[in-house]
Amino acid sequence: MRLHLASANRHKVAELQTLARTSNPGLKIIGAAQVGGMPPVVEDAGTFIGNARRKARALRRRLPADTWVLADDSGLCVDALDGAPGVDSATFAGPQGDDAANLAKLIKVLREVPTPARTAHFLCVLLVLGPSGAEQVFEGRCEGRLLAGPRGSTGFGYDPVFILSGMDETFAELSAARKNRLSHRALAWEQLAAWVRQGP
């Protein structure tokens, strides 16, 4: 089975390709760059599922009718910010979608928030759009807390300040293999992989 991934984010492509190789060797993830690039999508649906649906449908329009499409929408939801940046995680510091700027803004706006109140969770929605137009949705969630400053050099986005509950390392301090067992994307993928093995 081949899933065309509706994303221009090379980190997401690599992470999902790794997850597929580990869980479902026969499942291939094809990045949007391999089929002409990801079309522009206005991600203003207001929900992770809504944004994932828009991305999947946008890429589907560039592909043959019998193609399976996978879309990911994920973000960091901070309790002290009433769930922000949430669905706007990729553009928190502006429409350019710059990881470093987004992280710097988050650190700045949380500067006065005390440690006990720095709780947050990562949420990932994976949406599979089938040839008939039917959808399957899988969700993964990771609870944790946020540091006042970044630690670690792996990962991407908000990983350098996020520590999973019960752990001491940030996501950016974990090896790729370990993160791929614990992350919100890994949890959502685990459900998707089981669905694929059952035969969609």
Protein backbone atom coordinates (compact mmCIF):
# COMPACT_ATOMS: atom_id res chain seq x y z
CA MET A 1 0.00 0.00 0.00
CA ARG A 2 1.16 3.52 -0.81
CA LEU A 3 0.09 6.59 1.12
CA HIS A 4 0.79 9.99 -0.41
CA LEU A 5 1.58 12.37 2.43
CA ALA A 6 -0.01 15.81 2.15
CA SER A 7 2.85 17.73 3.73
CA ALA A 8 5.76 19.91 2.66
CA ASN A 9 7.39 19.43 6.08
CA ARG A 10 10.44 17.24 5.45
CA HIS A 11 10.69 16.37 9.17
CA LYS A 12 7.17 14.92 9.16
CA VAL A 13 7.85 13.02 5.95
CA ALA A 14 11.02 11.47 7.39
CA GLU A 15 9.37 10.64 10.72
CA LEU A 16 6.38 8.94 9.12
CA GLN A 17 8.58 7.05 6.65
CA THR A 18 10.57 5.71 9.60
CA LEU A 19 7.41 4.71 11.45
CA ALA A 20 6.11 2.93 8.36
CA ARG A 21 9.33 0.97 7.84
CA THR A 22 9.27 -0.16 11.45
CA SER A 23 5.62 -1.16 11.75
CA ASN A 24 4.47 -2.02 8.22
CA PRO A 25 7.37 -2.85 5.88
CA GLY A 26 5.00 -3.10 2.91
CA LEU A 27 3.57 0.37 3.49
CA LYS A 28 5.24 3.21 1.57
CA ILE A 29 4.96 6.89 2.45
CA ILE A 30 5.32 9.12 -0.61
CA GLY A 31 6.10 12.77 0.21
CA ALA A 32 4.27 15.52 -1.68
CA ALA A 33 7.62 16.68 -3.10
CA GLN A 34 7.74 13.46 -5.15
CA VAL A 35 4.50 14.33 -6.96
CA GLY A 36 5.10 17.98 -7.77
CA GLY A 37 4.91 19.52 -4.31
CA MET A 38 2.20 20.33 -1.81
CA PRO A 39 -0.47 22.72 -3.09
CA PRO A 40 -1.09 25.84 -0.99
CA VAL A 41 -3.68 25.22 1.73
CA VAL A 42 -5.29 27.78 4.02
CA GLU A 43 -5.35 25.99 7.37
CA ASP A 44 -8.19 27.92 8.99
CA ALA A 45 -10.69 25.10 9.59
CA GLY A 46 -10.35 25.71 13.34
CA THR A 47 -9.69 22.05 14.22
CA PHE A 48 -6.87 19.59 13.65
CA ILE A 49 -9.22 17.23 11.81
CA GLY A 50 -10.55 20.03 9.62
CA ASN A 51 -7.07 21.19 8.65
CA ALA A 52 -5.92 17.62 7.94
CA ARG A 53 -8.96 17.11 5.72
CA ARG A 54 -8.19 20.25 3.73
CA LYS A 55 -4.59 19.16 3.17
CA ALA A 56 -5.61 15.65 2.11
CA ARG A 57 -8.19 16.92 -0.36
CA ALA A 58 -5.77 19.50 -1.80
CA LEU A 59 -3.15 16.86 -2.59
CA ARG A 60 -5.76 14.37 -3.84
CA ARG A 61 -6.70 16.82 -6.62
CA ARG A 62 -3.18 16.37 -8.04
CA LEU A 63 -3.25 12.58 -7.98
CA PRO A 64 -5.02 9.71 -9.77
CA ALA A 65 -8.47 8.84 -8.46
CA ASP A 66 -7.37 5.51 -7.00
CA THR A 67 -4.73 7.09 -4.74
CA TRP A 68 -4.68 6.89 -0.96
CA VAL A 69 -3.72 10.16 0.77
CA LEU A 70 -2.47 10.71 4.30
CA ALA A 71 -2.58 14.08 6.03
CA ASP A 72 -1.16 15.05 9.40
CA ASP A 73 -2.18 18.02 11.48
CA SER A 74 -0.58 18.42 14.85
CA GLY A 75 0.33 21.04 17.38
CA LEU A 76 1.17 22.04 20.90
CA CYS A 77 -1.68 23.01 23.21
CA VAL A 78 -0.59 25.02 26.25
CA ASP A 79 -2.95 25.16 29.23
CA ALA A 80 -1.77 28.60 30.38
CA LEU A 81 -2.56 29.95 26.89
CA ASP A 82 -6.05 28.44 26.75
CA GLY A 83 -4.89 25.77 24.30
CA ALA A 84 -2.81 28.01 22.05
CA PRO A 85 -0.92 27.79 19.81
CA GLY A 86 -2.93 24.63 18.99
CA VAL A 87 -4.01 24.52 15.34
CA ASP A 88 -1.83 27.60 14.75
CA SER A 89 1.35 25.94 16.04
CA ALA A 90 3.12 26.13 12.68
CA THR A 91 2.38 29.86 12.26
CA PHE A 92 2.47 31.02 15.90
CA ALA A 93 5.08 33.71 15.13
CA GLY A 94 3.74 34.55 11.68
CA PRO A 95 2.72 33.05 8.33
CA GLN A 96 6.29 32.15 7.39
CA GLY A 97 6.06 29.02 9.56
CA ASP A 98 9.55 29.36 11.01
CA ASP A 99 10.30 26.81 13.77
CA ALA A 100 12.90 28.99 15.51
CA ALA A 101 10.63 32.04 15.57
CA ASN A 102 7.67 30.01 16.84
CA LEU A 103 9.76 28.54 19.66
CA ALA A 104 11.19 31.94 20.59
CA LYS A 105 7.70 33.44 20.80
CA LEU A 106 6.43 30.60 22.97
CA ILE A 107 9.35 31.00 25.38
CA LYS A 108 8.70 34.75 25.54
CA VAL A 109 4.95 34.58 26.19
CA LEU A 110 5.45 31.96 28.92
CA ARG A 111 8.26 33.83 30.65
CA GLU A 112 6.17 34.83 33.66
CA VAL A 113 4.26 31.54 33.95
CA PRO A 114 5.35 29.56 37.05
CA THR A 115 6.63 26.01 36.68
CA PRO A 116 3.50 24.24 38.06
CA ALA A 117 1.35 26.01 35.46
CA ARG A 118 3.55 25.16 32.47
CA THR A 119 1.52 22.10 31.47
CA ALA A 120 0.79 21.28 27.85
CA HIS A 121 0.09 18.47 25.45
CA PHE A 122 1.03 17.61 21.89
CA LEU A 123 -1.85 16.43 19.71
CA CYS A 124 -1.57 14.68 16.35
CA VAL A 125 -4.38 13.83 13.96
CA LEU A 126 -3.66 11.49 11.05
CA LEU A 127 -6.38 11.41 8.41
CA VAL A 128 -6.42 8.85 5.60
CA LEU A 129 -8.50 9.74 2.56
CA GLY A 130 -9.40 6.67 0.51
CA PRO A 131 -10.13 6.41 -3.23
CA SER A 132 -13.88 6.44 -2.54
CA GLY A 133 -13.60 9.60 -0.45
CA ALA A 134 -14.05 7.73 2.83
CA GLU A 135 -11.97 8.97 5.74
CA GLN A 136 -10.25 7.27 8.64
CA VAL A 137 -9.02 9.42 11.54
CA PHE A 138 -6.43 8.46 14.15
CA GLU A 139 -5.41 10.63 17.11
CA GLY A 140 -2.41 10.61 19.43
CA ARG A 141 -1.87 12.79 22.49
CA CYS A 142 1.14 13.33 24.76
CA GLU A 143 0.83 15.12 28.10
CA GLY A 144 3.80 16.98 29.50
CA ARG A 145 5.31 20.25 30.68
CA LEU A 146 7.32 23.07 29.17
CA LEU A 147 10.77 24.30 30.13
CA ALA A 148 11.71 27.97 30.34
CA GLY A 149 14.42 27.45 27.72
CA PRO A 150 15.37 24.94 25.01
CA ARG A 151 17.39 21.77 25.57
CA GLY A 152 18.58 19.28 22.97
CA SER A 153 19.46 19.37 19.30
CA THR A 154 17.27 16.70 17.71
CA GLY A 155 13.60 16.88 16.84
CA PHE A 156 11.93 20.01 15.48
CA GLY A 157 9.33 22.64 16.29
CA TYR A 158 8.60 22.87 20.01
CA ASP A 159 10.49 19.66 20.88
CA PRO A 160 13.35 21.48 22.71
CA VAL A 161 11.04 22.71 25.49
CA PHE A 162 8.58 19.81 25.82
CA ILE A 163 9.11 17.10 28.43
CA LEU A 164 6.76 14.12 28.38
CA SER A 165 5.11 13.35 31.73
CA GLY A 166 7.24 10.97 33.77
CA MET A 167 10.43 11.82 31.90
CA ASP A 168 13.38 14.19 32.37
CA GLU A 169 14.49 14.70 28.77
CA THR A 170 12.91 17.00 26.23
CA PHE A 171 11.73 15.53 22.93
CA ALA A 172 14.81 17.19 21.40
CA GLU A 173 17.10 15.20 23.71
CA LEU A 174 15.65 11.83 22.71
CA SER A 175 17.03 9.67 19.95
CA ALA A 176 14.82 9.43 16.88
CA ALA A 177 14.12 5.79 17.66
CA ARG A 178 12.98 6.58 21.19
CA LYS A 179 10.85 9.53 20.16
CA ASN A 180 9.23 7.35 17.51
CA ARG A 181 7.97 5.10 20.29
CA LEU A 182 6.65 7.86 22.56
CA SER A 183 5.48 10.85 20.55
CA HIS A 184 1.95 11.94 19.75
CA ARG A 185 2.60 11.12 16.10
CA ALA A 186 3.84 7.66 17.04
CA LEU A 187 0.70 7.02 19.09
CA ALA A 188 -1.56 8.06 16.22
CA TRP A 189 0.53 6.02 13.79
CA GLU A 190 0.22 2.91 15.95
CA GLN A 191 -3.54 3.02 15.43
CA LEU A 192 -3.20 3.68 11.70
CA ALA A 193 -0.70 0.83 11.30
CA ALA A 194 -3.07 -1.60 13.01
CA TRP A 195 -5.89 -0.47 10.70
CA VAL A 196 -3.69 -1.06 7.63
CA ARG A 197 -2.75 -4.54 8.83
CA GLN A 198 -6.45 -5.42 9.07
CA GLY A 199 -6.86 -4.55 5.40
CA PRO A 200 -8.66 -1.27 4.63
